[in-house]
Structure formats: structure tokens, C-alpha cells
Amino acid sequence: MISLQPSKGHLLVAEPSIIGDVSFNRSVVLLADHSEQGSIGFIMNKPLEYLLSDLVPEIESDFKIYNGGPVEQDNLYFIHKIPDLIPNSVEISGGIYWGGDFTVVSQLISENRITPQEIRFFLGYSGWGSQQLNQELEANSWVIVENDYQKNIFGKSYDTFWKEKMIELGGEYMLWSNAPENPTYN
């Protein structure tokens, strides 16, 4: 049963039932947009083995790149909490913003005026067509939770984020918090 309706700024926590899904197994997705046309989000806990300087060589930076999701993985996206420094940002909610002027971002990074606790970069995004997310919710693929961290979500440890959400959900989810990523390895 769906207790919370999807909305910008909410988190989608992957149900243990989607084990084996390459993109979404044990993922926590921040919903950046949700409307009748569809939904867009970014996986917050799947770092890739790339740094920003690997993808944009003119930017000397060791900012991690995260797998945002399976859609448009050849494009770089970013969310941040510094709209006063990055023009043309769009607020998601709770002090988290999406996009903005990348030329300004590049300049701010080269001047060491942005830290990894203020911005996060993604290859690709998670996208759902009209009613697709609702169908996945009805199929118990996701649990919707409030983003209690608000803009401090960047400080969450990516390697324990999903497990922490399972423990917070309690009940049968606590059992899954200590299960191996692939139960067939047990």
C-alpha cells in the first residue's frame, strides 16, 4: 500500500524485491520532478569510478561522479545547494537545486569556491513516463519517504544510505538491512 504520494524532493527507496535490477538495486533516488507527464530523479548512492576531471578535462577536480540512473547516461547533470552562486538553478525542495549555468560552476570549482558537500554530479538520470512510477509503486518496487535531510543529503554516506533507510523503515525491512546484496551468495 502506498502511504505517501510521490512529490518533488521525496526519496524513493528501492524495495528489496528489485534485487538484480542493475540500475536500482539498493538505490535511494531523490525525486527532482514529478508531474502527470512523468518523473525525474537522481540515484544518490551509486558513485561511479569517474571524477569530474575525467569527463570534463578542462576542470581540474576530484569531485565524484554518481550514476544518476539509466536514462541519458552520456549527459552530465548536477544538483546543489548554492543557488546564490549558480544562476538559472531550479529548486527541487528543501534548499536543493537542480542545474544552472555550468560555465559558472566550472569557474567556481577552479576558484575552489564549491565543495563536494554543496554539489553532486551525475551521469544520466532516472526517468519514468506518465503513470510508470505509480505502476512501480503499486508493484512494490519502491517506498516513498520524506527527505528529512533536506539539503544535508549530500553528507549521507553512499555506502550505507540504503541500509540506513531499511533500518528506519523497521519491521520486515530491518531483516533486509543486513542481507547480502545478492542473497544467492548467502
N, C-alpha and C. Protein backbone atom coordinates (compact mmCIF):
# COMPACT_ATOMS: atom_id res chain seq x y z
N MET A 1 0.84 -1.19 0.00
CA MET A 1 0.00 0.00 0.00
C MET A 1 0.89 1.25 0.00
N ILE A 2 0.55 2.20 -0.83
CA ILE A 2 1.30 3.44 -0.95
C ILE A 2 0.79 4.41 0.11
N SER A 3 1.66 4.81 1.03
CA SER A 3 1.23 5.71 2.09
C SER A 3 1.51 7.17 1.74
N LEU A 4 2.56 7.44 1.03
CA LEU A 4 2.95 8.80 0.65
C LEU A 4 2.92 8.87 -0.87
N GLN A 5 2.42 9.96 -1.40
CA GLN A 5 2.40 10.13 -2.85
C GLN A 5 3.72 10.75 -3.31
N PRO A 6 4.19 10.37 -4.50
CA PRO A 6 5.45 10.93 -4.98
C PRO A 6 5.34 12.44 -5.18
N SER A 7 6.41 13.13 -4.84
CA SER A 7 6.44 14.57 -4.98
C SER A 7 7.91 15.01 -5.08
N LYS A 8 8.14 16.15 -5.72
CA LYS A 8 9.50 16.71 -5.79
C LYS A 8 10.10 16.75 -4.41
N GLY A 9 11.34 16.28 -4.30
CA GLY A 9 12.04 16.33 -3.03
C GLY A 9 11.91 15.07 -2.19
N HIS A 10 10.92 14.22 -2.48
CA HIS A 10 10.82 12.95 -1.75
C HIS A 10 11.92 12.00 -2.19
N LEU A 11 12.16 10.99 -1.37
CA LEU A 11 13.11 9.94 -1.70
C LEU A 11 12.37 8.68 -2.07
N LEU A 12 12.86 8.00 -3.08
CA LEU A 12 12.38 6.66 -3.45
C LEU A 12 13.43 5.68 -2.96
N VAL A 13 13.03 4.77 -2.10
CA VAL A 13 13.94 3.77 -1.57
C VAL A 13 13.58 2.45 -2.24
N ALA A 14 14.56 1.84 -2.90
CA ALA A 14 14.31 0.59 -3.62
C ALA A 14 13.89 -0.50 -2.64
N GLU A 15 12.79 -1.16 -2.97
CA GLU A 15 12.34 -2.31 -2.19
C GLU A 15 13.35 -3.45 -2.38
N PRO A 16 13.53 -4.26 -1.37
CA PRO A 16 14.42 -5.42 -1.54
C PRO A 16 13.98 -6.34 -2.68
N SER A 17 12.71 -6.26 -3.08
CA SER A 17 12.19 -7.13 -4.13
C SER A 17 12.78 -6.85 -5.50
N ILE A 18 13.47 -5.73 -5.69
CA ILE A 18 14.03 -5.47 -7.03
C ILE A 18 15.50 -5.86 -7.10
N ILE A 19 15.88 -6.83 -6.28
CA ILE A 19 17.24 -7.39 -6.34
C ILE A 19 17.51 -7.85 -7.77
N GLY A 20 18.69 -7.56 -8.25
CA GLY A 20 19.05 -7.97 -9.60
C GLY A 20 18.87 -6.87 -10.63
N ASP A 21 18.11 -5.82 -10.30
CA ASP A 21 17.96 -4.70 -11.21
C ASP A 21 19.29 -3.94 -11.20
N VAL A 22 19.97 -3.92 -12.33
CA VAL A 22 21.31 -3.36 -12.40
C VAL A 22 21.35 -1.90 -11.95
N SER A 23 20.37 -1.11 -12.36
CA SER A 23 20.39 0.32 -12.03
C SER A 23 19.90 0.61 -10.62
N PHE A 24 18.85 -0.08 -10.20
CA PHE A 24 18.16 0.36 -9.00
C PHE A 24 18.31 -0.53 -7.76
N ASN A 25 19.01 -1.65 -7.85
CA ASN A 25 19.20 -2.50 -6.68
C ASN A 25 19.83 -1.67 -5.55
N ARG A 26 19.18 -1.66 -4.40
CA ARG A 26 19.64 -0.94 -3.21
C ARG A 26 19.88 0.55 -3.45
N SER A 27 19.05 1.17 -4.24
CA SER A 27 19.24 2.58 -4.52
C SER A 27 18.30 3.47 -3.72
N VAL A 28 18.75 4.71 -3.54
CA VAL A 28 17.93 5.76 -2.94
C VAL A 28 17.93 6.90 -3.97
N VAL A 29 16.73 7.24 -4.45
CA VAL A 29 16.59 8.22 -5.53
C VAL A 29 15.93 9.48 -4.98
N LEU A 30 16.53 10.62 -5.26
CA LEU A 30 15.91 11.91 -4.94
C LEU A 30 15.04 12.31 -6.13
N LEU A 31 13.73 12.49 -5.90
CA LEU A 31 12.85 12.93 -6.97
C LEU A 31 13.07 14.42 -7.22
N ALA A 32 13.50 14.75 -8.42
CA ALA A 32 13.76 16.14 -8.79
C ALA A 32 12.54 16.78 -9.42
N ASP A 33 11.66 15.95 -9.99
CA ASP A 33 10.44 16.46 -10.62
C ASP A 33 9.42 15.34 -10.66
N HIS A 34 8.16 15.71 -10.48
CA HIS A 34 7.07 14.74 -10.58
C HIS A 34 5.83 15.49 -11.04
N SER A 35 5.25 15.02 -12.13
CA SER A 35 4.02 15.63 -12.65
C SER A 35 3.24 14.56 -13.40
N GLU A 36 2.14 14.95 -13.99
CA GLU A 36 1.33 13.99 -14.75
C GLU A 36 2.08 13.48 -15.98
N GLN A 37 3.07 14.25 -16.46
CA GLN A 37 3.85 13.84 -17.63
C GLN A 37 4.90 12.79 -17.29
N GLY A 38 5.29 12.71 -16.01
CA GLY A 38 6.29 11.73 -15.61
C GLY A 38 7.11 12.22 -14.44
N SER A 39 8.19 11.50 -14.16
CA SER A 39 9.04 11.80 -13.01
C SER A 39 10.51 11.71 -13.40
N ILE A 40 11.32 12.52 -12.71
CA ILE A 40 12.76 12.52 -12.91
C ILE A 40 13.42 12.51 -11.53
N GLY A 41 14.47 11.71 -11.41
CA GLY A 41 15.20 11.67 -10.15
C GLY A 41 16.66 11.31 -10.38
N PHE A 42 17.42 11.35 -9.29
CA PHE A 42 18.84 11.03 -9.34
C PHE A 42 19.16 10.04 -8.23
N ILE A 43 19.86 8.97 -8.57
CA ILE A 43 20.28 7.99 -7.58
C ILE A 43 21.38 8.63 -6.74
N MET A 44 21.16 8.68 -5.44
CA MET A 44 22.07 9.39 -4.56
C MET A 44 23.22 8.54 -4.01
N ASN A 45 23.13 7.22 -4.19
CA ASN A 45 24.11 6.36 -3.51
C ASN A 45 24.84 5.39 -4.44
N LYS A 46 25.06 5.77 -5.69
CA LYS A 46 25.76 4.90 -6.63
C LYS A 46 26.91 5.65 -7.30
N PRO A 47 28.02 5.83 -6.59
CA PRO A 47 29.16 6.51 -7.22
C PRO A 47 29.76 5.66 -8.33
N LEU A 48 30.26 6.33 -9.33
CA LEU A 48 30.94 5.66 -10.43
C LEU A 48 32.45 5.79 -10.19
N GLU A 49 33.23 5.20 -11.05
CA GLU A 49 34.69 5.28 -10.89
C GLU A 49 35.28 6.44 -11.67
N TYR A 50 34.48 7.46 -11.88
CA TYR A 50 34.92 8.65 -12.60
C TYR A 50 34.98 9.84 -11.66
N LEU A 51 35.88 10.74 -11.97
CA LEU A 51 35.91 12.05 -11.32
C LEU A 51 35.49 13.07 -12.36
N LEU A 52 35.09 14.25 -11.92
CA LEU A 52 34.66 15.29 -12.85
C LEU A 52 35.74 15.59 -13.87
N SER A 53 37.00 15.57 -13.47
CA SER A 53 38.11 15.86 -14.39
C SER A 53 38.25 14.79 -15.48
N ASP A 54 37.75 13.57 -15.22
CA ASP A 54 37.78 12.52 -16.24
C ASP A 54 36.80 12.83 -17.38
N LEU A 55 35.70 13.47 -17.03
CA LEU A 55 34.65 13.75 -18.02
C LEU A 55 34.77 15.14 -18.63
N VAL A 56 35.28 16.07 -17.85
CA VAL A 56 35.47 17.45 -18.32
C VAL A 56 36.93 17.81 -18.01
N PRO A 57 37.85 17.43 -18.91
CA PRO A 57 39.29 17.57 -18.63
C PRO A 57 39.74 19.00 -18.29
N GLU A 58 39.04 20.00 -18.81
CA GLU A 58 39.46 21.38 -18.51
C GLU A 58 39.14 21.79 -17.07
N ILE A 59 38.40 20.95 -16.35
CA ILE A 59 38.12 21.22 -14.93
C ILE A 59 38.98 20.27 -14.10
N GLU A 60 39.98 20.83 -13.42
CA GLU A 60 40.82 20.02 -12.55
C GLU A 60 40.10 19.85 -11.23
N SER A 61 39.54 18.65 -11.03
CA SER A 61 38.71 18.44 -9.85
C SER A 61 38.64 16.97 -9.51
N ASP A 62 38.52 16.68 -8.22
CA ASP A 62 38.35 15.30 -7.81
C ASP A 62 36.93 15.03 -7.31
N PHE A 63 35.95 15.83 -7.78
CA PHE A 63 34.55 15.60 -7.42
C PHE A 63 34.12 14.26 -8.01
N LYS A 64 33.47 13.44 -7.17
CA LYS A 64 32.96 12.14 -7.64
C LYS A 64 31.81 12.34 -8.62
N ILE A 65 31.68 11.37 -9.51
CA ILE A 65 30.53 11.32 -10.41
C ILE A 65 29.67 10.15 -9.96
N TYR A 66 28.37 10.36 -9.90
CA TYR A 66 27.42 9.33 -9.49
C TYR A 66 26.60 8.87 -10.68
N ASN A 67 26.13 7.64 -10.60
CA ASN A 67 25.19 7.12 -11.60
C ASN A 67 23.83 7.68 -11.24
N GLY A 68 23.35 8.61 -12.04
CA GLY A 68 22.05 9.22 -11.77
C GLY A 68 20.89 8.33 -12.14
N GLY A 69 21.12 7.39 -13.04
CA GLY A 69 20.07 6.49 -13.50
C GLY A 69 20.34 6.06 -14.92
N PRO A 70 19.47 5.22 -15.45
CA PRO A 70 19.73 4.61 -16.75
C PRO A 70 19.40 5.47 -17.97
N VAL A 71 18.85 6.66 -17.78
CA VAL A 71 18.44 7.50 -18.91
C VAL A 71 19.53 8.52 -19.22
N GLU A 72 19.85 8.67 -20.50
CA GLU A 72 20.82 9.66 -20.99
C GLU A 72 22.14 9.63 -20.23
N GLN A 73 22.74 8.45 -20.14
CA GLN A 73 23.98 8.31 -19.39
C GLN A 73 25.19 8.94 -20.08
N ASP A 74 24.99 9.56 -21.21
CA ASP A 74 26.07 10.29 -21.85
C ASP A 74 26.00 11.79 -21.53
N ASN A 75 25.07 12.17 -20.65
CA ASN A 75 24.93 13.57 -20.24
C ASN A 75 25.26 13.73 -18.77
N LEU A 76 25.86 14.87 -18.44
CA LEU A 76 26.23 15.20 -17.07
C LEU A 76 25.17 16.12 -16.49
N TYR A 77 24.70 15.79 -15.28
CA TYR A 77 23.70 16.59 -14.56
C TYR A 77 24.28 16.92 -13.19
N PHE A 78 23.70 17.93 -12.56
CA PHE A 78 24.14 18.24 -11.20
C PHE A 78 23.00 18.83 -10.39
N ILE A 79 23.07 18.55 -9.09
CA ILE A 79 22.18 19.18 -8.12
C ILE A 79 23.08 19.83 -7.08
N HIS A 80 22.56 20.84 -6.40
CA HIS A 80 23.41 21.60 -5.48
C HIS A 80 22.56 22.32 -4.44
N LYS A 81 23.24 22.99 -3.53
CA LYS A 81 22.54 23.78 -2.52
C LYS A 81 23.09 25.21 -2.44
N ILE A 82 23.56 25.72 -3.57
CA ILE A 82 24.13 27.06 -3.61
C ILE A 82 23.55 27.90 -4.76
N PRO A 83 22.23 28.12 -4.76
CA PRO A 83 21.60 28.85 -5.86
C PRO A 83 22.05 30.31 -5.95
N ASP A 84 22.54 30.86 -4.83
CA ASP A 84 23.02 32.23 -4.86
C ASP A 84 24.30 32.37 -5.68
N LEU A 85 25.01 31.24 -5.88
CA LEU A 85 26.24 31.27 -6.68
C LEU A 85 26.03 30.76 -8.11
N ILE A 86 24.98 29.96 -8.32
CA ILE A 86 24.77 29.33 -9.64
C ILE A 86 23.47 29.85 -10.25
N PRO A 87 23.57 30.74 -11.22
CA PRO A 87 22.36 31.29 -11.86
C PRO A 87 21.58 30.20 -12.61
N ASN A 88 20.30 30.45 -12.76
CA ASN A 88 19.37 29.60 -13.53
C ASN A 88 19.13 28.24 -12.89
N SER A 89 19.30 28.14 -11.58
CA SER A 89 19.01 26.91 -10.86
C SER A 89 17.52 26.79 -10.65
N VAL A 90 17.03 25.56 -10.56
CA VAL A 90 15.61 25.30 -10.31
C VAL A 90 15.50 24.57 -8.97
N GLU A 91 14.69 25.11 -8.05
CA GLU A 91 14.58 24.47 -6.74
C GLU A 91 13.80 23.17 -6.83
N ILE A 92 14.36 22.13 -6.25
CA ILE A 92 13.66 20.86 -6.12
C ILE A 92 12.80 20.96 -4.87
N SER A 93 13.44 21.13 -3.73
CA SER A 93 12.76 21.39 -2.45
C SER A 93 13.80 21.41 -1.34
N GLY A 94 13.44 22.01 -0.22
CA GLY A 94 14.27 21.98 0.97
C GLY A 94 15.68 22.48 0.79
N GLY A 95 15.88 23.45 -0.11
CA GLY A 95 17.21 24.00 -0.31
C GLY A 95 18.09 23.23 -1.28
N ILE A 96 17.50 22.29 -2.02
CA ILE A 96 18.24 21.54 -3.05
C ILE A 96 17.80 22.06 -4.41
N TYR A 97 18.78 22.32 -5.26
CA TYR A 97 18.52 22.88 -6.59
C TYR A 97 19.10 21.99 -7.67
N TRP A 98 18.50 22.10 -8.84
CA TRP A 98 18.87 21.28 -9.98
C TRP A 98 19.40 22.20 -11.08
N GLY A 99 20.57 21.85 -11.61
CA GLY A 99 21.10 22.54 -12.79
C GLY A 99 21.50 23.97 -12.53
N GLY A 100 21.66 24.68 -13.62
CA GLY A 100 22.11 26.06 -13.60
C GLY A 100 23.21 26.25 -14.63
N ASP A 101 23.85 27.37 -14.57
CA ASP A 101 24.87 27.75 -15.54
C ASP A 101 26.16 26.96 -15.28
N PHE A 102 26.47 26.00 -16.16
CA PHE A 102 27.63 25.15 -15.97
C PHE A 102 28.94 25.91 -16.12
N THR A 103 28.95 26.96 -16.93
CA THR A 103 30.15 27.78 -17.08
C THR A 103 30.51 28.41 -15.73
N VAL A 104 29.51 28.87 -15.02
CA VAL A 104 29.73 29.45 -13.68
C VAL A 104 30.21 28.36 -12.73
N VAL A 105 29.60 27.16 -12.80
CA VAL A 105 30.02 26.05 -11.94
C VAL A 105 31.49 25.73 -12.18
N SER A 106 31.87 25.65 -13.43
CA SER A 106 33.26 25.37 -13.79
C SER A 106 34.21 26.42 -13.18
N GLN A 107 33.83 27.68 -13.30
CA GLN A 107 34.65 28.76 -12.75
C GLN A 107 34.74 28.66 -11.23
N LEU A 108 33.61 28.39 -10.57
CA LEU A 108 33.59 28.29 -9.11
C LEU A 108 34.46 27.13 -8.63
N ILE A 109 34.45 26.03 -9.35
CA ILE A 109 35.29 24.89 -8.98
C ILE A 109 36.77 25.25 -9.13
N SER A 110 37.11 25.92 -10.25
CA SER A 110 38.52 26.28 -10.46
C SER A 110 39.00 27.28 -9.40
N GLU A 111 38.08 28.06 -8.82
CA GLU A 111 38.42 29.01 -7.78
C GLU A 111 38.29 28.40 -6.37
N ASN A 112 38.01 27.10 -6.31
CA ASN A 112 37.82 26.39 -5.04
C ASN A 112 36.72 27.02 -4.18
N ARG A 113 35.63 27.46 -4.83
CA ARG A 113 34.52 28.09 -4.11
C ARG A 113 33.33 27.14 -3.96
N ILE A 114 33.47 25.89 -4.44
CA ILE A 114 32.43 24.87 -4.27
C ILE A 114 33.08 23.63 -3.70
N THR A 115 32.40 22.99 -2.77
CA THR A 115 32.89 21.74 -2.19
C THR A 115 31.96 20.59 -2.58
N PRO A 116 32.42 19.35 -2.46
CA PRO A 116 31.55 18.21 -2.76
C PRO A 116 30.33 18.12 -1.83
N GLN A 117 30.34 18.82 -0.70
CA GLN A 117 29.19 18.84 0.19
C GLN A 117 28.12 19.82 -0.29
N GLU A 118 28.43 20.58 -1.36
CA GLU A 118 27.49 21.57 -1.88
C GLU A 118 26.93 21.22 -3.25
N ILE A 119 27.57 20.28 -3.94
CA ILE A 119 27.14 19.95 -5.30
C ILE A 119 27.43 18.47 -5.56
N ARG A 120 26.58 17.87 -6.37
CA ARG A 120 26.81 16.47 -6.75
C ARG A 120 26.53 16.32 -8.24
N PHE A 121 27.45 15.60 -8.92
CA PHE A 121 27.36 15.40 -10.36
C PHE A 121 26.92 13.97 -10.67
N PHE A 122 26.14 13.84 -11.75
CA PHE A 122 25.58 12.55 -12.15
C PHE A 122 25.73 12.34 -13.65
N LEU A 123 26.02 11.10 -14.02
CA LEU A 123 25.86 10.69 -15.42
C LEU A 123 24.48 10.07 -15.51
N GLY A 124 23.65 10.64 -16.36
CA GLY A 124 22.31 10.14 -16.54
C GLY A 124 21.37 10.51 -15.40
N TYR A 125 20.12 10.09 -15.59
CA TYR A 125 19.10 10.33 -14.58
C TYR A 125 18.12 9.16 -14.59
N SER A 126 17.27 9.14 -13.60
CA SER A 126 16.22 8.14 -13.50
C SER A 126 14.94 8.79 -14.01
N GLY A 127 14.29 8.17 -14.96
CA GLY A 127 13.09 8.77 -15.53
C GLY A 127 11.96 7.78 -15.64
N TRP A 128 10.76 8.28 -15.43
CA TRP A 128 9.55 7.47 -15.54
C TRP A 128 8.55 8.23 -16.38
N GLY A 129 7.91 7.55 -17.31
CA GLY A 129 6.86 8.16 -18.12
C GLY A 129 5.59 8.34 -17.29
N SER A 130 4.61 8.95 -17.91
CA SER A 130 3.33 9.17 -17.26
C SER A 130 2.80 7.86 -16.67
N GLN A 131 2.49 7.85 -15.41
CA GLN A 131 1.94 6.71 -14.67
C GLN A 131 2.92 5.56 -14.43
N GLN A 132 4.10 5.59 -15.04
CA GLN A 132 5.06 4.49 -14.87
C GLN A 132 5.52 4.36 -13.42
N LEU A 133 5.84 5.48 -12.77
CA LEU A 133 6.26 5.41 -11.38
C LEU A 133 5.13 4.89 -10.50
N ASN A 134 3.91 5.35 -10.76
CA ASN A 134 2.77 4.86 -9.97
C ASN A 134 2.60 3.35 -10.13
N GLN A 135 2.81 2.84 -11.33
CA GLN A 135 2.73 1.39 -11.55
C GLN A 135 3.82 0.66 -10.76
N GLU A 136 5.03 1.22 -10.74
CA GLU A 136 6.11 0.60 -9.98
C GLU A 136 5.84 0.66 -8.47
N LEU A 137 5.20 1.74 -8.03
CA LEU A 137 4.84 1.84 -6.61
C LEU A 137 3.79 0.78 -6.26
N GLU A 138 2.81 0.60 -7.13
CA GLU A 138 1.77 -0.41 -6.89
C GLU A 138 2.35 -1.82 -6.93
N ALA A 139 3.44 -2.01 -7.68
CA ALA A 139 4.09 -3.32 -7.75
C ALA A 139 5.10 -3.50 -6.61
N ASN A 140 5.11 -2.57 -5.67
CA ASN A 140 6.01 -2.62 -4.51
C ASN A 140 7.49 -2.63 -4.88
N SER A 141 7.85 -1.81 -5.87
CA SER A 141 9.27 -1.67 -6.24
C SER A 141 9.96 -0.58 -5.43
N TRP A 142 9.18 0.34 -4.89
CA TRP A 142 9.72 1.49 -4.18
C TRP A 142 8.93 1.79 -2.92
N VAL A 143 9.60 2.42 -1.96
CA VAL A 143 8.95 3.02 -0.80
C VAL A 143 9.25 4.51 -0.89
N ILE A 144 8.22 5.33 -0.76
CA ILE A 144 8.42 6.78 -0.77
C ILE A 144 8.59 7.25 0.67
N VAL A 145 9.63 8.04 0.90
CA VAL A 145 9.84 8.63 2.22
C VAL A 145 10.17 10.11 2.07
N GLU A 146 9.93 10.85 3.12
CA GLU A 146 10.31 12.27 3.16
C GLU A 146 11.84 12.36 3.13
N ASN A 147 12.34 13.43 2.57
CA ASN A 147 13.77 13.71 2.64
C ASN A 147 14.02 14.54 3.89
N ASP A 148 14.17 13.85 5.01
CA ASP A 148 14.38 14.53 6.28
C ASP A 148 15.73 15.24 6.34
N TYR A 149 16.62 14.91 5.44
CA TYR A 149 17.96 15.50 5.43
C TYR A 149 17.96 16.86 4.76
N GLN A 150 16.92 17.11 3.93
CA GLN A 150 16.85 18.32 3.12
C GLN A 150 18.17 18.51 2.38
N LYS A 151 18.75 19.71 2.42
CA LYS A 151 19.96 19.97 1.66
C LYS A 151 21.20 19.28 2.24
N ASN A 152 21.09 18.72 3.41
CA ASN A 152 22.22 17.99 4.00
C ASN A 152 22.33 16.57 3.47
N ILE A 153 21.51 16.22 2.50
CA ILE A 153 21.54 14.88 1.92
C ILE A 153 22.91 14.58 1.29
N PHE A 154 23.63 15.60 0.86
CA PHE A 154 24.94 15.38 0.25
C PHE A 154 25.93 14.80 1.24
N GLY A 155 25.67 14.97 2.52
CA GLY A 155 26.56 14.45 3.54
C GLY A 155 26.31 12.99 3.89
N LYS A 156 25.26 12.38 3.34
CA LYS A 156 24.95 10.98 3.63
C LYS A 156 25.98 10.07 2.98
N SER A 157 26.41 9.08 3.74
CA SER A 157 27.36 8.11 3.22
C SER A 157 26.68 7.23 2.17
N TYR A 158 27.21 7.24 0.96
CA TYR A 158 26.58 6.49 -0.11
C TYR A 158 26.60 4.98 0.15
N ASP A 159 27.60 4.48 0.85
CA ASP A 159 27.71 3.03 1.01
C ASP A 159 26.79 2.47 2.10
N THR A 160 26.22 3.33 2.95
CA THR A 160 25.30 2.84 3.98
C THR A 160 23.90 3.45 3.87
N PHE A 161 23.69 4.31 2.90
CA PHE A 161 22.43 5.06 2.79
C PHE A 161 21.22 4.13 2.70
N TRP A 162 21.24 3.17 1.79
CA TRP A 162 20.10 2.27 1.61
C TRP A 162 19.86 1.46 2.88
N LYS A 163 20.92 0.95 3.47
CA LYS A 163 20.79 0.15 4.69
C LYS A 163 20.16 0.99 5.81
N GLU A 164 20.60 2.22 5.96
CA GLU A 164 20.03 3.10 6.97
C GLU A 164 18.54 3.31 6.75
N LYS A 165 18.13 3.46 5.50
CA LYS A 165 16.70 3.65 5.20
C LYS A 165 15.92 2.38 5.54
N MET A 166 16.50 1.21 5.29
CA MET A 166 15.83 -0.05 5.64
C MET A 166 15.62 -0.13 7.16
N ILE A 167 16.62 0.24 7.92
CA ILE A 167 16.52 0.21 9.38
C ILE A 167 15.45 1.21 9.85
N GLU A 168 15.44 2.41 9.27
CA GLU A 168 14.44 3.41 9.64
C GLU A 168 13.03 2.94 9.33
N LEU A 169 12.85 2.22 8.22
CA LEU A 169 11.52 1.73 7.86
C LEU A 169 11.05 0.67 8.84
N GLY A 170 11.99 -0.03 9.47
CA GLY A 170 11.66 -1.00 10.51
C GLY A 170 10.92 -2.23 10.00
N GLY A 171 10.35 -2.98 10.91
CA GLY A 171 9.59 -4.18 10.56
C GLY A 171 10.39 -5.14 9.71
N GLU A 172 9.76 -5.66 8.66
CA GLU A 172 10.41 -6.63 7.79
C GLU A 172 11.62 -6.05 7.04
N TYR A 173 11.67 -4.72 6.90
CA TYR A 173 12.79 -4.10 6.21
C TYR A 173 14.09 -4.25 6.99
N MET A 174 14.00 -4.31 8.32
CA MET A 174 15.22 -4.45 9.13
C MET A 174 15.96 -5.74 8.79
N LEU A 175 15.22 -6.79 8.48
CA LEU A 175 15.83 -8.05 8.08
C LEU A 175 16.71 -7.85 6.85
N TRP A 176 16.21 -7.07 5.90
CA TRP A 176 16.94 -6.83 4.65
C TRP A 176 18.17 -5.96 4.84
N SER A 177 18.20 -5.16 5.90
CA SER A 177 19.32 -4.25 6.09
C SER A 177 20.65 -4.98 6.24
N ASN A 178 20.64 -6.21 6.72
CA ASN A 178 21.88 -6.97 6.88
C ASN A 178 22.04 -8.10 5.88
N ALA A 179 21.10 -8.23 4.97
CA ALA A 179 21.18 -9.29 3.96
C ALA A 179 22.28 -8.95 2.96
N PRO A 180 22.93 -9.97 2.39
CA PRO A 180 23.93 -9.69 1.36
C PRO A 180 23.26 -9.05 0.15
N GLU A 181 24.03 -8.29 -0.62
CA GLU A 181 23.46 -7.62 -1.78
C GLU A 181 22.80 -8.61 -2.72
N ASN A 182 23.39 -9.76 -2.89
CA ASN A 182 22.79 -10.81 -3.69
C ASN A 182 22.54 -12.00 -2.75
N PRO A 183 21.29 -12.27 -2.36
CA PRO A 183 21.02 -13.32 -1.40
C PRO A 183 21.47 -14.72 -1.83
N THR A 184 21.70 -14.93 -3.12
CA THR A 184 22.17 -16.24 -3.56
C THR A 184 23.61 -16.49 -3.13
N TYR A 185 24.32 -15.41 -2.71
CA TYR A 185 25.68 -15.57 -2.20
C TYR A 185 25.71 -15.98 -0.73
N ASN A 186 24.55 -16.01 -0.11
CA ASN A 186 24.47 -16.31 1.32
C ASN A 186 24.81 -17.75 1.61
